Amino acid sequence: MPVESAFARCEWVDQQCLLGRGYSKTVMVCVLCEAAKEEERDALEQKLHQLVNEVNESVDKSARIGAIIVTQQAWSIENGVLTPTLKIKRDEVEARFGEQAQQLAHQSAVNKKILVDWS
């Protein structure tokens, strides 16, 4: 949760969920705010890298983010990602992005760099 809380401070991110049980690195799945969607992808990616570097400096090595999946579809009750009380269904995020996250975590660990994947 500290990693998600730190990541949530980013002005460009509306929703986020950290995946990583059994992964070689943790992977942040996030939904950008509407204003961020107006920005150039390269500029956003640079800001996300900077954010991850800041977050990673403040957490244990085992909790560091190795990759980010940026998804275009906001999470809602209607699409099954949020509960009626607007909490994120982690199992649903894992079901949708788990395989992709696991591959990115492995690539990040092997290449020793932070990866950003745009879904």
PDB file of N, CA and C in Angstrom:
ATOM      1  N   MET A   1       0.797  -1.206   0.000  1.00  0.00           N
ATOM      2  CA  MET A   1       0.000   0.000   0.000  1.00  0.00           C
ATOM      3  C   MET A   1       0.842   1.273   0.000  1.00  0.00           C
ATOM      4  N   PRO A   2       1.999   1.314   0.679  1.00  0.00           N
ATOM      5  CA  PRO A   2       2.801   2.542   0.614  1.00  0.00           C
ATOM      6  C   PRO A   2       3.228   2.880  -0.816  1.00  0.00           C
ATOM      7  N   VAL A   3       3.494   1.869  -1.622  1.00  0.00           N
ATOM      8  CA  VAL A   3       3.898   2.104  -3.009  1.00  0.00           C
ATOM      9  C   VAL A   3       2.725   2.711  -3.774  1.00  0.00           C
ATOM     10  N   GLU A   4       1.548   2.142  -3.611  1.00  0.00           N
ATOM     11  CA  GLU A   4       0.368   2.677  -4.293  1.00  0.00           C
ATOM     12  C   GLU A   4       0.065   4.095  -3.834  1.00  0.00           C
ATOM     13  N   SER A   5       0.199   4.351  -2.547  1.00  0.00           N
ATOM     14  CA  SER A   5      -0.068   5.693  -2.019  1.00  0.00           C
ATOM     15  C   SER A   5       0.899   6.714  -2.601  1.00  0.00           C
ATOM     16  N   ALA A   6       2.158   6.347  -2.691  1.00  0.00           N
ATOM     17  CA  ALA A   6       3.153   7.257  -3.265  1.00  0.00           C
ATOM     18  C   ALA A   6       2.873   7.488  -4.750  1.00  0.00           C
ATOM     19  N   PHE A   7       2.511   6.444  -5.450  1.00  0.00           N
ATOM     20  CA  PHE A   7       2.222   6.550  -6.877  1.00  0.00           C
ATOM     21  C   PHE A   7       0.960   7.386  -7.109  1.00  0.00           C
ATOM     22  N   ALA A   8      -0.001   7.292  -6.197  1.00  0.00           N
ATOM     23  CA  ALA A   8      -1.278   8.009  -6.317  1.00  0.00           C
ATOM     24  C   ALA A   8      -1.095   9.524  -6.254  1.00  0.00           C
ATOM     25  N   ARG A   9       0.011   9.986  -5.744  1.00  0.00           N
ATOM     26  CA  ARG A   9       0.261  11.434  -5.668  1.00  0.00           C
ATOM     27  C   ARG A   9       0.519  12.065  -7.030  1.00  0.00           C
ATOM     28  N   CYS A  10       0.709  11.239  -8.029  1.00  0.00           N
ATOM     29  CA  CYS A  10       0.973  11.734  -9.380  1.00  0.00           C
ATOM     30  C   CYS A  10      -0.284  12.389  -9.944  1.00  0.00           C
ATOM     31  N   GLU A  11      -0.147  13.599 -10.427  1.00  0.00           N
ATOM     32  CA  GLU A  11      -1.282  14.340 -10.967  1.00  0.00           C
ATOM     33  C   GLU A  11      -1.865  13.723 -12.231  1.00  0.00           C
ATOM     34  N   TRP A  12      -1.119  12.850 -12.891  1.00  0.00           N
ATOM     35  CA  TRP A  12      -1.553  12.273 -14.156  1.00  0.00           C
ATOM     36  C   TRP A  12      -2.304  10.959 -14.000  1.00  0.00           C
ATOM     37  N   VAL A  13      -2.288  10.390 -12.808  1.00  0.00           N
ATOM     38  CA  VAL A  13      -2.861   9.067 -12.591  1.00  0.00           C
ATOM     39  C   VAL A  13      -4.164   9.173 -11.796  1.00  0.00           C
ATOM     40  N   ASP A  14      -5.228   8.563 -12.336  1.00  0.00           N
ATOM     41  CA  ASP A  14      -6.519   8.532 -11.642  1.00  0.00           C
ATOM     42  C   ASP A  14      -6.696   7.270 -10.807  1.00  0.00           C
ATOM     43  N   GLN A  15      -6.246   6.134 -11.331  1.00  0.00           N
ATOM     44  CA  GLN A  15      -6.431   4.856 -10.647  1.00  0.00           C
ATOM     45  C   GLN A  15      -5.163   4.033 -10.792  1.00  0.00           C
ATOM     46  N   GLN A  16      -4.853   3.240  -9.768  1.00  0.00           N
ATOM     47  CA  GLN A  16      -3.674   2.394  -9.833  1.00  0.00           C
ATOM     48  C   GLN A  16      -3.849   1.164  -8.973  1.00  0.00           C
ATOM     49  N   CYS A  17      -3.152   0.095  -9.382  1.00  0.00           N
ATOM     50  CA  CYS A  17      -3.172  -1.153  -8.640  1.00  0.00           C
ATOM     51  C   CYS A  17      -1.814  -1.836  -8.841  1.00  0.00           C
ATOM     52  N   LEU A  18      -1.194  -2.198  -7.755  1.00  0.00           N
ATOM     53  CA  LEU A  18       0.117  -2.833  -7.798  1.00  0.00           C
ATOM     54  C   LEU A  18      -0.040  -4.351  -7.838  1.00  0.00           C
ATOM     55  N   LEU A  19       0.614  -4.988  -8.803  1.00  0.00           N
ATOM     56  CA  LEU A  19       0.622  -6.446  -8.923  1.00  0.00           C
ATOM     57  C   LEU A  19       2.034  -6.940  -8.667  1.00  0.00           C
ATOM     58  N   GLY A  20       2.145  -8.147  -8.122  1.00  0.00           N
ATOM     59  CA  GLY A  20       3.505  -8.632  -7.938  1.00  0.00           C
ATOM     60  C   GLY A  20       3.664  -9.915  -7.169  1.00  0.00           C
ATOM     61  N   ARG A  21       2.598 -10.506  -6.690  1.00  0.00           N
ATOM     62  CA  ARG A  21       2.755 -11.761  -5.945  1.00  0.00           C
ATOM     63  C   ARG A  21       3.417 -12.810  -6.817  1.00  0.00           C
ATOM     64  N   GLY A  22       4.622 -13.191  -6.455  1.00  0.00           N
ATOM     65  CA  GLY A  22       5.346 -14.214  -7.192  1.00  0.00           C
ATOM     66  C   GLY A  22       6.108 -13.689  -8.396  1.00  0.00           C
ATOM     67  N   TYR A  23       6.059 -12.392  -8.639  1.00  0.00           N
ATOM     68  CA  TYR A  23       6.788 -11.808  -9.770  1.00  0.00           C
ATOM     69  C   TYR A  23       8.204 -11.463  -9.330  1.00  0.00           C
ATOM     70  N   SER A  24       9.105 -11.352 -10.299  1.00  0.00           N
ATOM     71  CA  SER A  24      10.480 -10.961  -9.983  1.00  0.00           C
ATOM     72  C   SER A  24      10.567  -9.463  -9.659  1.00  0.00           C
ATOM     73  N   LYS A  25       9.616  -8.678 -10.136  1.00  0.00           N
ATOM     74  CA  LYS A  25       9.504  -7.243  -9.830  1.00  0.00           C
ATOM     75  C   LYS A  25       8.023  -6.937  -9.703  1.00  0.00           C
ATOM     76  N   THR A  26       7.681  -5.861  -9.004  1.00  0.00           N
ATOM     77  CA  THR A  26       6.277  -5.472  -8.962  1.00  0.00           C
ATOM     78  C   THR A  26       5.940  -4.649 -10.204  1.00  0.00           C
ATOM     79  N   VAL A  27       4.668  -4.656 -10.559  1.00  0.00           N
ATOM     80  CA  VAL A  27       4.198  -3.953 -11.747  1.00  0.00           C
ATOM     81  C   VAL A  27       2.991  -3.106 -11.356  1.00  0.00           C
ATOM     82  N   MET A  28       3.037  -1.824 -11.698  1.00  0.00           N
ATOM     83  CA  MET A  28       1.938  -0.922 -11.431  1.00  0.00           C
ATOM     84  C   MET A  28       1.048  -0.853 -12.664  1.00  0.00           C
ATOM     85  N   VAL A  29      -0.230  -1.117 -12.481  1.00  0.00           N
ATOM     86  CA  VAL A  29      -1.211  -0.944 -13.548  1.00  0.00           C
ATOM     87  C   VAL A  29      -1.938   0.353 -13.221  1.00  0.00           C
ATOM     88  N   CYS A  30      -2.026   1.261 -14.200  1.00  0.00           N
ATOM     89  CA  CYS A  30      -2.662   2.538 -13.903  1.00  0.00           C
ATOM     90  C   CYS A  30      -3.520   3.036 -15.047  1.00  0.00           C
ATOM     91  N   VAL A  31      -4.457   3.904 -14.675  1.00  0.00           N
ATOM     92  CA  VAL A  31      -5.324   4.594 -15.611  1.00  0.00           C
ATOM     93  C   VAL A  31      -4.992   6.073 -15.500  1.00  0.00           C
ATOM     94  N   LEU A  32      -4.719   6.698 -16.630  1.00  0.00           N
ATOM     95  CA  LEU A  32      -4.383   8.117 -16.639  1.00  0.00           C
ATOM     96  C   LEU A  32      -5.634   8.983 -16.573  1.00  0.00           C
ATOM     97  N   CYS A  33      -5.484  10.180 -16.023  1.00  0.00           N
ATOM     98  CA  CYS A  33      -6.588  11.133 -16.001  1.00  0.00           C
ATOM     99  C   CYS A  33      -6.801  11.697 -17.407  1.00  0.00           C
ATOM    100  N   GLU A  34      -7.920  12.351 -17.607  1.00  0.00           N
ATOM    101  CA  GLU A  34      -8.249  12.895 -18.932  1.00  0.00           C
ATOM    102  C   GLU A  34      -7.206  13.905 -19.405  1.00  0.00           C
ATOM    103  N   ALA A  35      -6.711  14.757 -18.515  1.00  0.00           N
ATOM    104  CA  ALA A  35      -5.711  15.757 -18.897  1.00  0.00           C
ATOM    105  C   ALA A  35      -4.429  15.098 -19.399  1.00  0.00           C
ATOM    106  N   ALA A  36      -4.061  13.987 -18.798  1.00  0.00           N
ATOM    107  CA  ALA A  36      -2.844  13.278 -19.207  1.00  0.00           C
ATOM    108  C   ALA A  36      -2.976  12.722 -20.613  1.00  0.00           C
ATOM    109  N   LYS A  37      -4.181  12.354 -20.996  1.00  0.00           N
ATOM    110  CA  LYS A  37      -4.402  11.787 -22.325  1.00  0.00           C
ATOM    111  C   LYS A  37      -4.176  12.810 -23.427  1.00  0.00           C
ATOM    112  N   GLU A  38      -4.142  14.085 -23.062  1.00  0.00           N
ATOM    113  CA  GLU A  38      -3.888  15.170 -24.012  1.00  0.00           C
ATOM    114  C   GLU A  38      -2.386  15.384 -24.237  1.00  0.00           C
ATOM    115  N   GLU A  39      -1.575  14.864 -23.331  1.00  0.00           N
ATOM    116  CA  GLU A  39      -0.124  15.054 -23.389  1.00  0.00           C
ATOM    117  C   GLU A  39       0.520  14.098 -24.393  1.00  0.00           C
ATOM    118  N   GLU A  40       1.713  14.457 -24.836  1.00  0.00           N
ATOM    119  CA  GLU A  40       2.469  13.564 -25.718  1.00  0.00           C
ATOM    120  C   GLU A  40       2.924  12.338 -24.932  1.00  0.00           C
ATOM    121  N   ARG A  41       2.868  11.200 -25.585  1.00  0.00           N
ATOM    122  CA  ARG A  41       3.209   9.944 -24.923  1.00  0.00           C
ATOM    123  C   ARG A  41       4.643   9.951 -24.387  1.00  0.00           C
ATOM    124  N   ASP A  42       5.590  10.478 -25.154  1.00  0.00           N
ATOM    125  CA  ASP A  42       6.986  10.495 -24.695  1.00  0.00           C
ATOM    126  C   ASP A  42       7.146  11.311 -23.417  1.00  0.00           C
ATOM    127  N   ALA A  43       6.471  12.458 -23.361  1.00  0.00           N
ATOM    128  CA  ALA A  43       6.545  13.310 -22.172  1.00  0.00           C
ATOM    129  C   ALA A  43       5.922  12.608 -20.968  1.00  0.00           C
ATOM    130  N   LEU A  44       4.796  11.963 -21.192  1.00  0.00           N
ATOM    131  CA  LEU A  44       4.149  11.220 -20.104  1.00  0.00           C
ATOM    132  C   LEU A  44       5.021  10.070 -19.621  1.00  0.00           C
ATOM    133  N   GLU A  45       5.596   9.370 -20.564  1.00  0.00           N
ATOM    134  CA  GLU A  45       6.443   8.238 -20.195  1.00  0.00           C
ATOM    135  C   GLU A  45       7.638   8.704 -19.366  1.00  0.00           C
ATOM    136  N   GLN A  46       8.207   9.836 -19.743  1.00  0.00           N
ATOM    137  CA  GLN A  46       9.329  10.397 -18.981  1.00  0.00           C
ATOM    138  C   GLN A  46       8.878  10.748 -17.554  1.00  0.00           C
ATOM    139  N   LYS A  47       7.691  11.332 -17.416  1.00  0.00           N
ATOM    140  CA  LYS A  47       7.165  11.675 -16.088  1.00  0.00           C
ATOM    141  C   LYS A  47       6.889  10.423 -15.269  1.00  0.00           C
ATOM    142  N   LEU A  48       6.376   9.393 -15.909  1.00  0.00           N
ATOM    143  CA  LEU A  48       6.121   8.142 -15.199  1.00  0.00           C
ATOM    144  C   LEU A  48       7.427   7.497 -14.732  1.00  0.00           C
ATOM    145  N   HIS A  49       8.448   7.533 -15.575  1.00  0.00           N
ATOM    146  CA  HIS A  49       9.769   7.018 -15.169  1.00  0.00           C
ATOM    147  C   HIS A  49      10.296   7.788 -13.963  1.00  0.00           C
ATOM    148  N   GLN A  50      10.168   9.090 -14.004  1.00  0.00           N
ATOM    149  CA  GLN A  50      10.631   9.925 -12.891  1.00  0.00           C
ATOM    150  C   GLN A  50       9.868   9.579 -11.610  1.00  0.00           C
ATOM    151  N   LEU A  51       8.556   9.415 -11.730  1.00  0.00           N
ATOM    152  CA  LEU A  51       7.738   9.049 -10.581  1.00  0.00           C
ATOM    153  C   LEU A  51       8.170   7.712 -10.008  1.00  0.00           C
ATOM    154  N   VAL A  52       8.362   6.729 -10.863  1.00  0.00           N
ATOM    155  CA  VAL A  52       8.768   5.400 -10.392  1.00  0.00           C
ATOM    156  C   VAL A  52      10.134   5.471  -9.701  1.00  0.00           C
ATOM    157  N   ASN A  53      11.047   6.232 -10.260  1.00  0.00           N
ATOM    158  CA  ASN A  53      12.356   6.379  -9.610  1.00  0.00           C
ATOM    159  C   ASN A  53      12.217   6.980  -8.214  1.00  0.00           C
ATOM    160  N   GLU A  54      11.358   7.979  -8.073  1.00  0.00           N
ATOM    161  CA  GLU A  54      11.134   8.599  -6.758  1.00  0.00           C
ATOM    162  C   GLU A  54      10.496   7.611  -5.788  1.00  0.00           C
ATOM    163  N   VAL A  55       9.489   6.888  -6.258  1.00  0.00           N
ATOM    164  CA  VAL A  55       8.820   5.895  -5.410  1.00  0.00           C
ATOM    165  C   VAL A  55       9.806   4.806  -5.010  1.00  0.00           C
ATOM    166  N   ASN A  56      10.580   4.314  -5.963  1.00  0.00           N
ATOM    167  CA  ASN A  56      11.517   3.223  -5.687  1.00  0.00           C
ATOM    168  C   ASN A  56      12.593   3.611  -4.684  1.00  0.00           C
ATOM    169  N   GLU A  57      12.960   4.874  -4.646  1.00  0.00           N
ATOM    170  CA  GLU A  57      13.961   5.327  -3.677  1.00  0.00           C
ATOM    171  C   GLU A  57      13.434   5.278  -2.246  1.00  0.00           C
ATOM    172  N   SER A  58      12.108   5.329  -2.094  1.00  0.00           N
ATOM    173  CA  SER A  58      11.521   5.418  -0.758  1.00  0.00           C
ATOM    174  C   SER A  58      10.986   4.091  -0.218  1.00  0.00           C
ATOM    175  N   VAL A  59      11.130   3.007  -0.972  1.00  0.00           N
ATOM    176  CA  VAL A  59      10.595   1.717  -0.513  1.00  0.00           C
ATOM    177  C   VAL A  59      11.686   0.656  -0.479  1.00  0.00           C
ATOM    178  N   ASP A  60      11.386  -0.452   0.194  1.00  0.00           N
ATOM    179  CA  ASP A  60      12.326  -1.573   0.251  1.00  0.00           C
ATOM    180  C   ASP A  60      12.623  -2.080  -1.152  1.00  0.00           C
ATOM    181  N   LYS A  61      13.799  -2.620  -1.322  1.00  0.00           N
ATOM    182  CA  LYS A  61      14.212  -3.123  -2.632  1.00  0.00           C
ATOM    183  C   LYS A  61      13.231  -4.156  -3.183  1.00  0.00           C
ATOM    184  N   SER A  62      12.680  -4.984  -2.324  1.00  0.00           N
ATOM    185  CA  SER A  62      11.758  -6.034  -2.771  1.00  0.00           C
ATOM    186  C   SER A  62      10.421  -5.475  -3.261  1.00  0.00           C
ATOM    187  N   ALA A  63      10.096  -4.243  -2.903  1.00  0.00           N
ATOM    188  CA  ALA A  63       8.812  -3.640  -3.285  1.00  0.00           C
ATOM    189  C   ALA A  63       8.930  -2.693  -4.475  1.00  0.00           C
ATOM    190  N   ARG A  64      10.111  -2.547  -5.004  1.00  0.00           N
ATOM    191  CA  ARG A  64      10.325  -1.577  -6.081  1.00  0.00           C
ATOM    192  C   ARG A  64       9.572  -1.954  -7.354  1.00  0.00           C
ATOM    193  N   ILE A  65       9.072  -0.939  -8.031  1.00  0.00           N
ATOM    194  CA  ILE A  65       8.331  -1.119  -9.272  1.00  0.00           C
ATOM    195  C   ILE A  65       9.314  -1.369 -10.406  1.00  0.00           C
ATOM    196  N   GLY A  66       9.043  -2.389 -11.189  1.00  0.00           N
ATOM    197  CA  GLY A  66       9.894  -2.707 -12.335  1.00  0.00           C
ATOM    198  C   GLY A  66       9.260  -2.323 -13.657  1.00  0.00           C
ATOM    199  N   ALA A  67       7.931  -2.180 -13.661  1.00  0.00           N
ATOM    200  CA  ALA A  67       7.239  -1.857 -14.907  1.00  0.00           C
ATOM    201  C   ALA A  67       5.896  -1.205 -14.604  1.00  0.00           C
ATOM    202  N   ILE A  68       5.393  -0.515 -15.608  1.00  0.00           N
ATOM    203  CA  ILE A  68       4.089   0.129 -15.517  1.00  0.00           C
ATOM    204  C   ILE A  68       3.274  -0.295 -16.729  1.00  0.00           C
ATOM    205  N   ILE A  69       2.034  -0.665 -16.488  1.00  0.00           N
ATOM    206  CA  ILE A  69       1.080  -0.892 -17.569  1.00  0.00           C
ATOM    207  C   ILE A  69       0.102   0.276 -17.517  1.00  0.00           C
ATOM    208  N   VAL A  70       0.029   1.020 -18.599  1.00  0.00           N
ATOM    209  CA  VAL A  70      -0.898   2.145 -18.680  1.00  0.00           C
ATOM    210  C   VAL A  70      -2.079   1.693 -19.523  1.00  0.00           C
ATOM    211  N   THR A  71      -3.245   1.659 -18.913  1.00  0.00           N
ATOM    212  CA  THR A  71      -4.436   1.232 -19.627  1.00  0.00           C
ATOM    213  C   THR A  71      -5.314   2.439 -19.940  1.00  0.00           C
ATOM    214  N   GLN A  72      -5.964   2.402 -21.074  1.00  0.00           N
ATOM    215  CA  GLN A  72      -6.766   3.536 -21.524  1.00  0.00           C
ATOM    216  C   GLN A  72      -8.174   3.523 -20.942  1.00  0.00           C
ATOM    217  N   GLN A  73      -8.666   2.348 -20.570  1.00  0.00           N
ATOM    218  CA  GLN A  73     -10.033   2.236 -20.079  1.00  0.00           C
ATOM    219  C   GLN A  73     -10.098   2.472 -18.573  1.00  0.00           C
ATOM    220  N   ALA A  74     -10.882   3.460 -18.163  1.00  0.00           N
ATOM    221  CA  ALA A  74     -11.065   3.726 -16.736  1.00  0.00           C
ATOM    222  C   ALA A  74     -11.756   2.533 -16.084  1.00  0.00           C
ATOM    223  N   TRP A  75     -11.456   2.298 -14.826  1.00  0.00           N
ATOM    224  CA  TRP A  75     -12.066   1.208 -14.093  1.00  0.00           C
ATOM    225  C   TRP A  75     -13.369   1.700 -13.478  1.00  0.00           C
ATOM    226  N   SER A  76     -14.390   0.863 -13.568  1.00  0.00           N
ATOM    227  CA  SER A  76     -15.707   1.260 -13.071  1.00  0.00           C
ATOM    228  C   SER A  76     -16.452   0.054 -12.520  1.00  0.00           C
ATOM    229  N   ILE A  77     -17.584   0.323 -11.912  1.00  0.00           N
ATOM    230  CA  ILE A  77     -18.457  -0.754 -11.451  1.00  0.00           C
ATOM    231  C   ILE A  77     -18.977  -1.517 -12.667  1.00  0.00           C
ATOM    232  N   GLU A  78     -19.332  -0.760 -13.705  1.00  0.00           N
ATOM    233  CA  GLU A  78     -19.923  -1.343 -14.904  1.00  0.00           C
ATOM    234  C   GLU A  78     -18.998  -2.322 -15.616  1.00  0.00           C
ATOM    235  N   ASN A  79     -17.695  -2.019 -15.654  1.00  0.00           N
ATOM    236  CA  ASN A  79     -16.793  -2.945 -16.351  1.00  0.00           C
ATOM    237  C   ASN A  79     -16.183  -3.992 -15.411  1.00  0.00           C
ATOM    238  N   GLY A  80     -16.661  -4.005 -14.160  1.00  0.00           N
ATOM    239  CA  GLY A  80     -16.309  -5.079 -13.240  1.00  0.00           C
ATOM    240  C   GLY A  80     -15.021  -4.932 -12.471  1.00  0.00           C
ATOM    241  N   VAL A  81     -14.353  -3.792 -12.582  1.00  0.00           N
ATOM    242  CA  VAL A  81     -13.077  -3.632 -11.877  1.00  0.00           C
ATOM    243  C   VAL A  81     -13.271  -3.003 -10.495  1.00  0.00           C
ATOM    244  N   LEU A  82     -14.343  -2.247 -10.320  1.00  0.00           N
ATOM    245  CA  LEU A  82     -14.626  -1.633  -9.021  1.00  0.00           C
ATOM    246  C   LEU A  82     -15.825  -2.293  -8.351  1.00  0.00           C
ATOM    247  N   THR A  83     -15.777  -2.333  -7.032  1.00  0.00           N
ATOM    248  CA  THR A  83     -16.917  -2.827  -6.256  1.00  0.00           C
ATOM    249  C   THR A  83     -17.968  -1.722  -6.176  1.00  0.00           C
ATOM    250  N   PRO A  84     -19.160  -2.027  -5.674  1.00  0.00           N
ATOM    251  CA  PRO A  84     -20.170  -0.979  -5.505  1.00  0.00           C
ATOM    252  C   PRO A  84     -19.720   0.158  -4.573  1.00  0.00           C
ATOM    253  N   THR A  85     -18.731  -0.111  -3.717  1.00  0.00           N
ATOM    254  CA  THR A  85     -18.198   0.938  -2.838  1.00  0.00           C
ATOM    255  C   THR A  85     -16.943   1.586  -3.434  1.00  0.00           C
ATOM    256  N   LEU A  86     -16.719   1.335  -4.730  1.00  0.00           N
ATOM    257  CA  LEU A  86     -15.632   1.941  -5.512  1.00  0.00           C
ATOM    258  C   LEU A  86     -14.228   1.500  -5.106  1.00  0.00           C
ATOM    259  N   LYS A  87     -14.131   0.321  -4.539  1.00  0.00           N
ATOM    260  CA  LYS A  87     -12.819  -0.259  -4.250  1.00  0.00           C
ATOM    261  C   LYS A  87     -12.392  -1.108  -5.444  1.00  0.00           C
ATOM    262  N   ILE A  88     -11.091  -1.150  -5.685  1.00  0.00           N
ATOM    263  CA  ILE A  88     -10.562  -1.924  -6.813  1.00  0.00           C
ATOM    264  C   ILE A  88     -10.599  -3.416  -6.489  1.00  0.00           C
ATOM    265  N   LYS A  89     -11.103  -4.192  -7.423  1.00  0.00           N
ATOM    266  CA  LYS A  89     -11.088  -5.652  -7.302  1.00  0.00           C
ATOM    267  C   LYS A  89      -9.736  -6.132  -7.828  1.00  0.00           C
ATOM    268  N   ARG A  90      -8.817  -6.355  -6.910  1.00  0.00           N
ATOM    269  CA  ARG A  90      -7.452  -6.744  -7.295  1.00  0.00           C
ATOM    270  C   ARG A  90      -7.442  -8.034  -8.115  1.00  0.00           C
ATOM    271  N   ASP A  91      -8.314  -8.962  -7.766  1.00  0.00           N
ATOM    272  CA  ASP A  91      -8.378 -10.218  -8.528  1.00  0.00           C
ATOM    273  C   ASP A  91      -8.756  -9.947  -9.981  1.00  0.00           C
ATOM    274  N   GLU A  92      -9.632  -8.976 -10.211  1.00  0.00           N
ATOM    275  CA  GLU A  92     -10.048  -8.636 -11.570  1.00  0.00           C
ATOM    276  C   GLU A  92      -8.894  -7.977 -12.334  1.00  0.00           C
ATOM    277  N   VAL A  93      -8.153  -7.094 -11.675  1.00  0.00           N
ATOM    278  CA  VAL A  93      -6.986  -6.463 -12.314  1.00  0.00           C
ATOM    279  C   VAL A  93      -5.958  -7.536 -12.636  1.00  0.00           C
ATOM    280  N   GLU A  94      -5.756  -8.457 -11.715  1.00  0.00           N
ATOM    281  CA  GLU A  94      -4.821  -9.567 -11.937  1.00  0.00           C
ATOM    282  C   GLU A  94      -5.275 -10.430 -13.111  1.00  0.00           C
ATOM    283  N   ALA A  95      -6.563 -10.700 -13.202  1.00  0.00           N
ATOM    284  CA  ALA A  95      -7.082 -11.517 -14.299  1.00  0.00           C
ATOM    285  C   ALA A  95      -6.868 -10.827 -15.647  1.00  0.00           C
ATOM    286  N   ARG A  96      -7.057  -9.529 -15.676  1.00  0.00           N
ATOM    287  CA  ARG A  96      -6.935  -8.786 -16.935  1.00  0.00           C
ATOM    288  C   ARG A  96      -5.495  -8.506 -17.340  1.00  0.00           C
ATOM    289  N   PHE A  97      -4.640  -8.257 -16.365  1.00  0.00           N
ATOM    290  CA  PHE A  97      -3.280  -7.796 -16.679  1.00  0.00           C
ATOM    291  C   PHE A  97      -2.170  -8.697 -16.133  1.00  0.00           C
ATOM    292  N   GLY A  98      -2.531  -9.768 -15.427  1.00  0.00           N
ATOM    293  CA  GLY A  98      -1.534 -10.594 -14.750  1.00  0.00           C
ATOM    294  C   GLY A  98      -0.480 -11.210 -15.649  1.00  0.00           C
ATOM    295  N   GLU A  99      -0.900 -11.799 -16.746  1.00  0.00           N
ATOM    296  CA  GLU A  99       0.065 -12.434 -17.651  1.00  0.00           C
ATOM    297  C   GLU A  99       1.019 -11.396 -18.246  1.00  0.00           C
ATOM    298  N   GLN A 100       0.475 -10.297 -18.690  1.00  0.00           N
ATOM    299  CA  GLN A 100       1.276  -9.195 -19.241  1.00  0.00           C
ATOM    300  C   GLN A 100       2.223  -8.646 -18.172  1.00  0.00           C
ATOM    301  N   ALA A 101       1.713  -8.479 -16.952  1.00  0.00           N
ATOM    302  CA  ALA A 101       2.524  -7.959 -15.844  1.00  0.00           C
ATOM    303  C   ALA A 101       3.670  -8.898 -15.515  1.00  0.00           C
ATOM    304  N   GLN A 102       3.397 -10.187 -15.517  1.00  0.00           N
ATOM    305  CA  GLN A 102       4.438 -11.155 -15.200  1.00  0.00           C
ATOM    306  C   GLN A 102       5.556 -11.120 -16.243  1.00  0.00           C
ATOM    307  N   GLN A 103       5.189 -11.005 -17.510  1.00  0.00           N
ATOM    308  CA  GLN A 103       6.193 -10.909 -18.572  1.00  0.00           C
ATOM    309  C   GLN A 103       7.019  -9.630 -18.432  1.00  0.00           C
ATOM    310  N   LEU A 104       6.355  -8.517 -18.153  1.00  0.00           N
ATOM    311  CA  LEU A 104       7.077  -7.247 -17.984  1.00  0.00           C
ATOM    312  C   LEU A 104       8.001  -7.289 -16.763  1.00  0.00           C
ATOM    313  N   ALA A 105       7.531  -7.906 -15.684  1.00  0.00           N
ATOM    314  CA  ALA A 105       8.353  -8.025 -14.477  1.00  0.00           C
ATOM    315  C   ALA A 105       9.628  -8.797 -14.785  1.00  0.00           C
ATOM    316  N   HIS A 106       9.484  -9.876 -15.523  1.00  0.00           N
ATOM    317  CA  HIS A 106      10.652 -10.679 -15.890  1.00  0.00           C
ATOM    318  C   HIS A 106      11.609  -9.880 -16.779  1.00  0.00           C
ATOM    319  N   GLN A 107      11.061  -9.214 -17.804  1.00  0.00           N
ATOM    320  CA  GLN A 107      11.902  -8.400 -18.702  1.00  0.00           C
ATOM    321  C   GLN A 107      12.608  -7.287 -17.936  1.00  0.00           C
ATOM    322  N   SER A 108      11.900  -6.673 -17.009  1.00  0.00           N
ATOM    323  CA  SER A 108      12.494  -5.603 -16.209  1.00  0.00           C
ATOM    324  C   SER A 108      13.653  -6.118 -15.363  1.00  0.00           C
ATOM    325  N   ALA A 109      13.451  -7.281 -14.755  1.00  0.00           N
ATOM    326  CA  ALA A 109      14.509  -7.864 -13.929  1.00  0.00           C
ATOM    327  C   ALA A 109      15.727  -8.236 -14.763  1.00  0.00           C
ATOM    328  N   VAL A 110      15.490  -8.804 -15.932  1.00  0.00           N
ATOM    329  CA  VAL A 110      16.588  -9.214 -16.811  1.00  0.00           C
ATOM    330  C   VAL A 110      17.336  -7.994 -17.360  1.00  0.00           C
ATOM    331  N   ASN A 111      16.581  -7.006 -17.830  1.00  0.00           N
ATOM    332  CA  ASN A 111      17.188  -5.826 -18.454  1.00  0.00           C
ATOM    333  C   ASN A 111      17.605  -4.750 -17.465  1.00  0.00           C
ATOM    334  N   LYS A 112      17.186  -4.923 -16.209  1.00  0.00           N
ATOM    335  CA  LYS A 112      17.517  -3.974 -15.142  1.00  0.00           C
ATOM    336  C   LYS A 112      17.114  -2.544 -15.506  1.00  0.00           C
ATOM    337  N   LYS A 113      15.873  -2.418 -16.019  1.00  0.00           N
ATOM    338  CA  LYS A 113      15.350  -1.090 -16.293  1.00  0.00           C
ATOM    339  C   LYS A 113      13.840  -1.098 -16.141  1.00  0.00           C
ATOM    340  N   ILE A 114      13.299   0.076 -15.936  1.00  0.00           N
ATOM    341  CA  ILE A 114      11.860   0.253 -15.758  1.00  0.00           C
ATOM    342  C   ILE A 114      11.206   0.282 -17.125  1.00  0.00           C
ATOM    343  N   LEU A 115      10.180  -0.541 -17.289  1.00  0.00           N
ATOM    344  CA  LEU A 115       9.479  -0.627 -18.570  1.00  0.00           C
ATOM    345  C   LEU A 115       8.095   0.013 -18.448  1.00  0.00           C
ATOM    346  N   VAL A 116       7.639   0.604 -19.537  1.00  0.00           N
ATOM    347  CA  VAL A 116       6.293   1.157 -19.604  1.00  0.00           C
ATOM    348  C   VAL A 116       5.607   0.527 -20.808  1.00  0.00           C
ATOM    349  N   ASP A 117       4.431  -0.041 -20.563  1.00  0.00           N
ATOM    350  CA  ASP A 117       3.663  -0.680 -21.617  1.00  0.00           C
ATOM    351  C   ASP A 117       2.303   0.009 -21.701  1.00  0.00           C
ATOM    352  N   TRP A 118       1.929   0.418 -22.902  1.00  0.00           N
ATOM    353  CA  TRP A 118       0.678   1.123 -23.131  1.00  0.00           C
ATOM    354  C   TRP A 118      -0.350   0.147 -23.669  1.00  0.00           C
ATOM    355  N   SER A 119      -1.382  -0.118 -22.898  1.00  0.00           N
ATOM    356  CA  SER A 119      -2.438  -1.053 -23.319  1.00  0.00           C
ATOM    357  C   SER A 119      -3.606  -0.296 -23.919  1.00  0.00           C
TER     358      SER A 119
END
